[in-house]
Amino acid sequence: MRTTLTLDDDVAALVDLEIKRSGESQKATVNRLLRLGFTASAKPETEKAFVVKPFLHGVGEMLDTHNGSVSALIEELEGPDYR
């Protein structure tokens, strides 16, 4: 297909740089860049799932919420003047 495109100045400068870098013709460069752009935009962005890795530090054994040991645990960790 033959068509006329009007490129923004910054885009035209980038195309010219790529033509010089690759040594391809203008037609080949523009076609390759368009293919890359369409391929990239067709792929959905996948986010890496955020995973929490627990750190076992031994405090859990001391924590028993049924007998009021939360206050005792806080006092042990922060000292008797934590309040």
C-alpha atoms as a PDB file:
ATOM      1  CA  MET A   1       0.000   0.000   0.000  1.00  0.00           C
ATOM      2  CA  ARG A   2       1.345   3.378  -0.913  1.00  0.00           C
ATOM      3  CA  THR A   3       0.485   6.280   1.390  1.00  0.00           C
ATOM      4  CA  THR A   4       1.778   9.599   2.637  1.00  0.00           C
ATOM      5  CA  LEU A   5       2.455  10.064   6.348  1.00  0.00           C
ATOM      6  CA  THR A   6       3.170  13.267   8.193  1.00  0.00           C
ATOM      7  CA  LEU A   7       5.453  12.493  11.108  1.00  0.00           C
ATOM      8  CA  ASP A   8       6.042  14.725  14.092  1.00  0.00           C
ATOM      9  CA  ASP A   9       9.529  16.227  14.099  1.00  0.00           C
ATOM     10  CA  ASP A  10      10.706  14.110  17.053  1.00  0.00           C
ATOM     11  CA  VAL A  11       9.418  10.896  15.453  1.00  0.00           C
ATOM     12  CA  ALA A  12      11.010  11.764  12.111  1.00  0.00           C
ATOM     13  CA  ALA A  13      14.328  12.383  13.861  1.00  0.00           C
ATOM     14  CA  LEU A  14      14.111   8.999  15.600  1.00  0.00           C
ATOM     15  CA  VAL A  15      13.307   7.272  12.300  1.00  0.00           C
ATOM     16  CA  ASP A  16      16.277   9.001  10.651  1.00  0.00           C
ATOM     17  CA  LEU A  17      18.561   7.866  13.493  1.00  0.00           C
ATOM     18  CA  GLU A  18      17.314   4.305  13.130  1.00  0.00           C
ATOM     19  CA  ILE A  19      17.839   4.395   9.355  1.00  0.00           C
ATOM     20  CA  LYS A  20      21.444   5.483   9.893  1.00  0.00           C
ATOM     21  CA  ARG A  21      21.978   2.911  12.657  1.00  0.00           C
ATOM     22  CA  SER A  22      20.470  -0.042  10.798  1.00  0.00           C
ATOM     23  CA  GLY A  23      21.528   0.821   7.254  1.00  0.00           C
ATOM     24  CA  GLU A  24      18.068  -0.175   6.007  1.00  0.00           C
ATOM     25  CA  SER A  25      15.967   1.812   3.592  1.00  0.00           C
ATOM     26  CA  GLN A  26      13.376   4.227   4.918  1.00  0.00           C
ATOM     27  CA  LYS A  27      10.587   1.880   3.820  1.00  0.00           C
ATOM     28  CA  ALA A  28      12.130  -1.160   5.533  1.00  0.00           C
ATOM     29  CA  THR A  29      12.860   0.794   8.710  1.00  0.00           C
ATOM     30  CA  VAL A  30       9.375   2.283   9.006  1.00  0.00           C
ATOM     31  CA  ASN A  31       7.745  -1.105   8.322  1.00  0.00           C
ATOM     32  CA  ARG A  32       9.934  -2.838  10.914  1.00  0.00           C
ATOM     33  CA  LEU A  33       9.259  -0.169  13.532  1.00  0.00           C
ATOM     34  CA  LEU A  34       5.519  -0.253  12.868  1.00  0.00           C
ATOM     35  CA  ARG A  35       5.507  -4.051  13.193  1.00  0.00           C
ATOM     36  CA  LEU A  36       7.385  -3.793  16.488  1.00  0.00           C
ATOM     37  CA  GLY A  37       4.948  -1.179  17.765  1.00  0.00           C
ATOM     38  CA  PHE A  38       1.871  -3.161  16.805  1.00  0.00           C
ATOM     39  CA  THR A  39       3.285  -6.370  18.245  1.00  0.00           C
ATOM     40  CA  ALA A  40       4.183  -4.672  21.518  1.00  0.00           C
ATOM     41  CA  SER A  41       0.807  -2.977  21.893  1.00  0.00           C
ATOM     42  CA  ALA A  42      -1.061  -6.227  21.145  1.00  0.00           C
ATOM     43  CA  LYS A  43       0.519  -8.022  24.101  1.00  0.00           C
ATOM     44  CA  PRO A  44      -1.203  -7.408  27.418  1.00  0.00           C
ATOM     45  CA  GLU A  45       1.073  -6.117  30.121  1.00  0.00           C
ATOM     46  CA  THR A  46       1.499  -8.739  32.776  1.00  0.00           C
ATOM     47  CA  GLU A  47       2.252  -7.673  36.278  1.00  0.00           C
ATOM     48  CA  LYS A  48       4.332  -9.887  38.458  1.00  0.00           C
ATOM     49  CA  ALA A  49       2.292 -10.998  41.427  1.00  0.00           C
ATOM     50  CA  PHE A  50       3.341  -9.462  44.712  1.00  0.00           C
ATOM     51  CA  VAL A  51       4.328 -12.231  47.096  1.00  0.00           C
ATOM     52  CA  VAL A  52       4.909 -11.770  50.799  1.00  0.00           C
ATOM     53  CA  LYS A  53       7.564 -14.050  52.173  1.00  0.00           C
ATOM     54  CA  PRO A  54       7.066 -14.515  55.899  1.00  0.00           C
ATOM     55  CA  PHE A  55      10.052 -14.322  58.175  1.00  0.00           C
ATOM     56  CA  LEU A  56       9.926 -16.798  61.021  1.00  0.00           C
ATOM     57  CA  HIS A  57      11.447 -15.103  64.012  1.00  0.00           C
ATOM     58  CA  GLY A  58      10.175 -17.237  66.874  1.00  0.00           C
ATOM     59  CA  VAL A  59       7.815 -14.651  68.389  1.00  0.00           C
ATOM     60  CA  GLY A  60       4.702 -16.535  67.289  1.00  0.00           C
ATOM     61  CA  GLU A  61       5.133 -19.235  69.913  1.00  0.00           C
ATOM     62  CA  MET A  62       4.831 -16.634  72.657  1.00  0.00           C
ATOM     63  CA  LEU A  63       1.628 -15.139  71.273  1.00  0.00           C
ATOM     64  CA  ASP A  64      -1.513 -16.529  72.844  1.00  0.00           C
ATOM     65  CA  THR A  65      -4.363 -14.025  72.649  1.00  0.00           C
ATOM     66  CA  HIS A  66      -6.587 -16.026  75.015  1.00  0.00           C
ATOM     67  CA  ASN A  67      -4.620 -15.430  78.168  1.00  0.00           C
ATOM     68  CA  GLY A  68      -3.604 -11.780  77.700  1.00  0.00           C
ATOM     69  CA  SER A  69      -0.069 -12.471  76.531  1.00  0.00           C
ATOM     70  CA  VAL A  70      -0.258  -9.761  73.858  1.00  0.00           C
ATOM     71  CA  SER A  71       0.508  -7.158  76.501  1.00  0.00           C
ATOM     72  CA  ALA A  72       3.249  -9.357  77.878  1.00  0.00           C
ATOM     73  CA  LEU A  73       4.727  -9.798  74.409  1.00  0.00           C
ATOM     74  CA  ILE A  74       4.677  -6.050  73.735  1.00  0.00           C
ATOM     75  CA  GLU A  75       6.275  -5.417  77.094  1.00  0.00           C
ATOM     76  CA  GLU A  76       8.963  -8.001  76.381  1.00  0.00           C
ATOM     77  CA  LEU A  77       9.712  -6.495  72.962  1.00  0.00           C
ATOM     78  CA  GLU A  78       9.514  -2.812  73.880  1.00  0.00           C
ATOM     79  CA  GLY A  79      10.241  -2.791  77.583  1.00  0.00           C
ATOM     80  CA  PRO A  80       8.036  -2.126  80.626  1.00  0.00           C
ATOM     81  CA  ASP A  81       7.449   1.561  79.710  1.00  0.00           C
ATOM     82  CA  TYR A  82       5.796   0.834  76.346  1.00  0.00           C
ATOM     83  CA  ARG A  83       2.508   2.500  77.348  1.00  0.00           C
END
